[in-house]
Each structure stands twice: as C-alpha cells, then as structure tokens.
Amino acid sequence: MKFKLTPILIVLSILELFLLFMSINYLFIDNNGGNALGGTIAFFGLIIFFFILLIEQLIIISIKIPIKFIWIIESIVLLISIIYVYYNGISIG
C-alpha cells in the first residue's frame, strides 16, 4: 500500500515518533511511580494514532478525490484544531 502525503499524515507521524520515544523512556528507562502509567498511556496513544492514520489512508486510496482538495480540507481541520486548543487548552472533563 502506497501512502499519499497529507497534512494529517505529517502531523500524526511526528506525534507518533514523539509518543514512541516517550513510551520507551517511561516504560523501560525511567519507570518509577506514575511515569510507568504515563508510558503506558503514551503507548496506547501511539496505537490509536497508528489506526487513525491507517483508516485515513485507506479512505483516501479507496475514494478517488484529488489530492489538492484533501490538502485544503485537512489543512483547515488542523488549523481549526490548533486554534481550539490554543483558546481552550486540552482537558478531559
């Protein structure tokens, strides 16, 4: 399967690398107290991001949409997400 380069692929790939290093560090190197839990959560985030990328690429490959249209839509979604997180922060409750 050949991946098509999209903004979400770029952003999530960078985040996956960060989560991979974070999970390895907190699970195997610095695993005292709550750090092991942080490494486990980072590993779960890594798996979730991988499945999101896989589903996104399968949709893009199966539906023949021009790549410029995909770039426009995904760039708008990422910008709106960044603005939302900037103003509201990240919280779970």
N, C-alpha and C. Protein backbone atom coordinates (compact mmCIF):
# COMPACT_ATOMS: atom_id res chain seq x y z
N MET A 1 0.85 -1.18 0.00
CA MET A 1 0.00 0.00 0.00
C MET A 1 0.90 1.24 0.00
N LYS A 2 0.68 2.12 -0.95
CA LYS A 2 1.46 3.34 -1.05
C LYS A 2 0.70 4.47 -0.35
N PHE A 3 1.36 5.10 0.61
CA PHE A 3 0.73 6.19 1.35
C PHE A 3 0.75 7.46 0.52
N LYS A 4 -0.33 8.22 0.62
CA LYS A 4 -0.38 9.54 0.00
C LYS A 4 -0.07 10.57 1.07
N LEU A 5 0.78 11.51 0.72
CA LEU A 5 1.22 12.52 1.66
C LEU A 5 0.10 13.52 1.92
N THR A 6 -0.32 13.62 3.18
CA THR A 6 -1.37 14.56 3.58
C THR A 6 -0.91 15.29 4.84
N PRO A 7 -1.55 16.42 5.18
CA PRO A 7 -1.16 17.13 6.39
C PRO A 7 -1.34 16.31 7.67
N ILE A 8 -2.42 15.53 7.74
CA ILE A 8 -2.64 14.71 8.93
C ILE A 8 -1.58 13.62 9.03
N LEU A 9 -1.16 13.07 7.90
CA LEU A 9 -0.09 12.07 7.91
C LEU A 9 1.19 12.68 8.46
N ILE A 10 1.51 13.89 8.05
CA ILE A 10 2.73 14.55 8.51
C ILE A 10 2.66 14.82 10.01
N VAL A 11 1.57 15.41 10.47
CA VAL A 11 1.43 15.79 11.89
C VAL A 11 1.40 14.54 12.77
N LEU A 12 0.59 13.56 12.42
CA LEU A 12 0.49 12.37 13.25
C LEU A 12 1.76 11.53 13.21
N SER A 13 2.51 11.57 12.13
CA SER A 13 3.79 10.85 12.08
C SER A 13 4.79 11.47 13.05
N ILE A 14 4.81 12.79 13.11
CA ILE A 14 5.69 13.47 14.07
C ILE A 14 5.25 13.15 15.49
N LEU A 15 3.94 13.19 15.75
CA LEU A 15 3.44 12.85 17.08
C LEU A 15 3.69 11.39 17.43
N GLU A 16 3.62 10.50 16.45
CA GLU A 16 3.91 9.09 16.71
C GLU A 16 5.37 8.88 17.10
N LEU A 17 6.28 9.57 16.45
CA LEU A 17 7.69 9.47 16.85
C LEU A 17 7.88 9.96 18.28
N PHE A 18 7.25 11.09 18.61
CA PHE A 18 7.33 11.62 19.97
C PHE A 18 6.76 10.63 20.98
N LEU A 19 5.60 10.05 20.68
CA LEU A 19 4.98 9.09 21.60
C LEU A 19 5.81 7.81 21.70
N LEU A 20 6.45 7.40 20.62
CA LEU A 20 7.29 6.21 20.67
C LEU A 20 8.47 6.41 21.62
N PHE A 21 9.17 7.53 21.49
CA PHE A 21 10.29 7.81 22.38
C PHE A 21 9.82 7.99 23.81
N MET A 22 8.68 8.64 23.99
CA MET A 22 8.15 8.87 25.33
C MET A 22 7.76 7.54 25.99
N SER A 23 7.09 6.67 25.25
CA SER A 23 6.67 5.40 25.84
C SER A 23 7.87 4.51 26.15
N ILE A 24 8.88 4.48 25.27
CA ILE A 24 10.07 3.68 25.56
C ILE A 24 10.79 4.22 26.79
N ASN A 25 10.91 5.54 26.89
CA ASN A 25 11.58 6.14 28.04
C ASN A 25 10.85 5.83 29.33
N TYR A 26 9.53 6.05 29.35
CA TYR A 26 8.79 5.90 30.60
C TYR A 26 8.49 4.45 30.95
N LEU A 27 8.47 3.54 29.97
CA LEU A 27 8.20 2.14 30.28
C LEU A 27 9.46 1.36 30.64
N PHE A 28 10.59 1.68 30.02
CA PHE A 28 11.77 0.86 30.21
C PHE A 28 12.92 1.56 30.93
N ILE A 29 13.06 2.86 30.81
CA ILE A 29 14.22 3.55 31.36
C ILE A 29 13.88 4.21 32.69
N ASP A 30 12.86 5.04 32.71
CA ASP A 30 12.52 5.83 33.89
C ASP A 30 11.12 5.44 34.37
N ASN A 31 10.98 4.19 34.82
CA ASN A 31 9.65 3.68 35.13
C ASN A 31 9.38 3.61 36.63
N ASN A 32 9.49 4.73 37.31
CA ASN A 32 9.16 4.73 38.73
C ASN A 32 7.90 5.56 38.96
N GLY A 33 7.05 5.07 39.82
CA GLY A 33 5.84 5.80 40.17
C GLY A 33 4.88 5.97 39.01
N GLY A 34 4.46 7.20 38.80
CA GLY A 34 3.48 7.49 37.75
C GLY A 34 4.07 7.52 36.35
N ASN A 35 5.38 7.47 36.23
CA ASN A 35 5.99 7.51 34.90
C ASN A 35 5.64 6.27 34.08
N ALA A 36 5.52 5.12 34.75
CA ALA A 36 5.15 3.90 34.02
C ALA A 36 3.74 4.03 33.47
N LEU A 37 2.85 4.65 34.23
CA LEU A 37 1.49 4.89 33.74
C LEU A 37 1.52 5.85 32.55
N GLY A 38 2.36 6.88 32.63
CA GLY A 38 2.50 7.81 31.51
C GLY A 38 3.03 7.12 30.27
N GLY A 39 3.97 6.20 30.43
CA GLY A 39 4.48 5.44 29.30
C GLY A 39 3.43 4.53 28.69
N THR A 40 2.58 3.94 29.55
CA THR A 40 1.50 3.09 29.04
C THR A 40 0.48 3.90 28.27
N ILE A 41 0.12 5.06 28.79
CA ILE A 41 -0.83 5.93 28.09
C ILE A 41 -0.23 6.41 26.77
N ALA A 42 1.05 6.74 26.77
CA ALA A 42 1.71 7.15 25.52
C ALA A 42 1.72 6.01 24.50
N PHE A 43 1.91 4.78 24.98
CA PHE A 43 1.89 3.64 24.06
C PHE A 43 0.49 3.43 23.48
N PHE A 44 -0.55 3.58 24.31
CA PHE A 44 -1.92 3.48 23.80
C PHE A 44 -2.20 4.59 22.78
N GLY A 45 -1.71 5.80 23.05
CA GLY A 45 -1.86 6.89 22.09
C GLY A 45 -1.16 6.59 20.78
N LEU A 46 0.00 5.95 20.85
CA LEU A 46 0.73 5.54 19.65
C LEU A 46 -0.10 4.57 18.82
N ILE A 47 -0.72 3.60 19.48
CA ILE A 47 -1.55 2.62 18.76
C ILE A 47 -2.77 3.30 18.15
N ILE A 48 -3.41 4.20 18.89
CA ILE A 48 -4.60 4.89 18.37
C ILE A 48 -4.24 5.75 17.17
N PHE A 49 -3.13 6.50 17.25
CA PHE A 49 -2.69 7.32 16.11
C PHE A 49 -2.38 6.46 14.89
N PHE A 50 -1.80 5.28 15.12
CA PHE A 50 -1.50 4.39 14.01
C PHE A 50 -2.78 3.96 13.30
N PHE A 51 -3.81 3.60 14.07
CA PHE A 51 -5.07 3.19 13.46
C PHE A 51 -5.77 4.36 12.76
N ILE A 52 -5.66 5.56 13.32
CA ILE A 52 -6.24 6.74 12.65
C ILE A 52 -5.55 6.96 11.30
N LEU A 53 -4.23 6.86 11.28
CA LEU A 53 -3.50 7.01 10.01
C LEU A 53 -3.87 5.93 9.01
N LEU A 54 -4.00 4.70 9.49
CA LEU A 54 -4.35 3.60 8.61
C LEU A 54 -5.73 3.80 8.00
N ILE A 55 -6.70 4.18 8.82
CA ILE A 55 -8.06 4.41 8.32
C ILE A 55 -8.09 5.58 7.34
N GLU A 56 -7.36 6.65 7.68
CA GLU A 56 -7.33 7.81 6.79
C GLU A 56 -6.74 7.45 5.43
N GLN A 57 -5.66 6.71 5.43
CA GLN A 57 -5.03 6.34 4.16
C GLN A 57 -5.90 5.37 3.36
N LEU A 58 -6.58 4.45 4.04
CA LEU A 58 -7.49 3.54 3.33
C LEU A 58 -8.64 4.30 2.68
N ILE A 59 -9.17 5.30 3.38
CA ILE A 59 -10.26 6.11 2.81
C ILE A 59 -9.75 6.90 1.60
N ILE A 60 -8.57 7.49 1.72
CA ILE A 60 -8.03 8.29 0.62
C ILE A 60 -7.74 7.42 -0.60
N ILE A 61 -7.22 6.22 -0.38
CA ILE A 61 -6.91 5.34 -1.50
C ILE A 61 -8.18 4.80 -2.15
N SER A 62 -9.19 4.47 -1.34
CA SER A 62 -10.40 3.86 -1.91
C SER A 62 -11.29 4.88 -2.61
N ILE A 63 -11.34 6.10 -2.12
CA ILE A 63 -12.15 7.15 -2.75
C ILE A 63 -11.22 8.03 -3.57
N LYS A 64 -11.48 8.15 -4.82
CA LYS A 64 -10.61 8.91 -5.72
C LYS A 64 -10.95 10.40 -5.65
N ILE A 65 -10.34 11.07 -4.68
CA ILE A 65 -10.51 12.51 -4.50
C ILE A 65 -9.18 13.17 -4.88
N PRO A 66 -9.22 14.30 -5.56
CA PRO A 66 -7.96 14.99 -5.90
C PRO A 66 -7.17 15.35 -4.64
N ILE A 67 -5.87 15.18 -4.70
CA ILE A 67 -5.03 15.38 -3.53
C ILE A 67 -5.02 16.84 -3.08
N LYS A 68 -5.22 17.78 -4.00
CA LYS A 68 -5.28 19.20 -3.61
C LYS A 68 -6.49 19.47 -2.73
N PHE A 69 -7.61 18.85 -3.04
CA PHE A 69 -8.82 19.01 -2.23
C PHE A 69 -8.60 18.44 -0.83
N ILE A 70 -7.94 17.30 -0.76
CA ILE A 70 -7.64 16.69 0.54
C ILE A 70 -6.72 17.59 1.36
N TRP A 71 -5.71 18.17 0.71
CA TRP A 71 -4.81 19.08 1.42
C TRP A 71 -5.55 20.30 1.96
N ILE A 72 -6.46 20.86 1.19
CA ILE A 72 -7.21 22.03 1.64
C ILE A 72 -8.07 21.68 2.85
N ILE A 73 -8.83 20.60 2.75
CA ILE A 73 -9.74 20.20 3.83
C ILE A 73 -8.95 19.86 5.10
N GLU A 74 -7.90 19.06 4.98
CA GLU A 74 -7.14 18.66 6.16
C GLU A 74 -6.38 19.83 6.77
N SER A 75 -5.91 20.76 5.96
CA SER A 75 -5.24 21.95 6.50
C SER A 75 -6.21 22.80 7.29
N ILE A 76 -7.42 22.95 6.79
CA ILE A 76 -8.44 23.72 7.51
C ILE A 76 -8.78 23.04 8.83
N VAL A 77 -8.94 21.72 8.81
CA VAL A 77 -9.26 20.98 10.04
C VAL A 77 -8.13 21.11 11.06
N LEU A 78 -6.89 21.00 10.62
CA LEU A 78 -5.76 21.14 11.54
C LEU A 78 -5.66 22.55 12.11
N LEU A 79 -5.88 23.57 11.28
CA LEU A 79 -5.84 24.95 11.78
C LEU A 79 -6.94 25.21 12.80
N ILE A 80 -8.14 24.72 12.53
CA ILE A 80 -9.24 24.89 13.48
C ILE A 80 -8.92 24.16 14.78
N SER A 81 -8.33 22.98 14.69
CA SER A 81 -7.96 22.23 15.90
C SER A 81 -6.90 22.96 16.71
N ILE A 82 -5.93 23.54 16.04
CA ILE A 82 -4.87 24.28 16.73
C ILE A 82 -5.45 25.52 17.41
N ILE A 83 -6.32 26.23 16.73
CA ILE A 83 -6.95 27.42 17.32
C ILE A 83 -7.80 27.04 18.52
N TYR A 84 -8.55 25.94 18.42
CA TYR A 84 -9.38 25.49 19.53
C TYR A 84 -8.53 25.13 20.75
N VAL A 85 -7.44 24.39 20.53
CA VAL A 85 -6.58 24.01 21.65
C VAL A 85 -5.88 25.23 22.22
N TYR A 86 -5.54 26.20 21.40
CA TYR A 86 -4.89 27.42 21.88
C TYR A 86 -5.82 28.19 22.83
N TYR A 87 -7.07 28.32 22.46
CA TYR A 87 -8.00 29.10 23.28
C TYR A 87 -8.56 28.31 24.46
N ASN A 88 -8.79 27.02 24.32
CA ASN A 88 -9.45 26.25 25.36
C ASN A 88 -8.54 25.29 26.11
N GLY A 89 -7.40 24.99 25.57
CA GLY A 89 -6.50 24.04 26.21
C GLY A 89 -6.96 22.61 26.00
N ILE A 90 -6.20 21.69 26.56
CA ILE A 90 -6.55 20.27 26.46
C ILE A 90 -6.99 19.82 27.85
N SER A 91 -8.21 19.36 27.95
CA SER A 91 -8.70 18.85 29.22
C SER A 91 -9.62 17.66 28.98
N ILE A 92 -9.78 16.84 30.00
CA ILE A 92 -10.60 15.65 29.87
C ILE A 92 -11.94 15.84 30.54
N GLY A 93 -12.22 16.90 31.15
CA GLY A 93 -13.50 16.97 31.82
C GLY A 93 -14.16 18.23 31.77
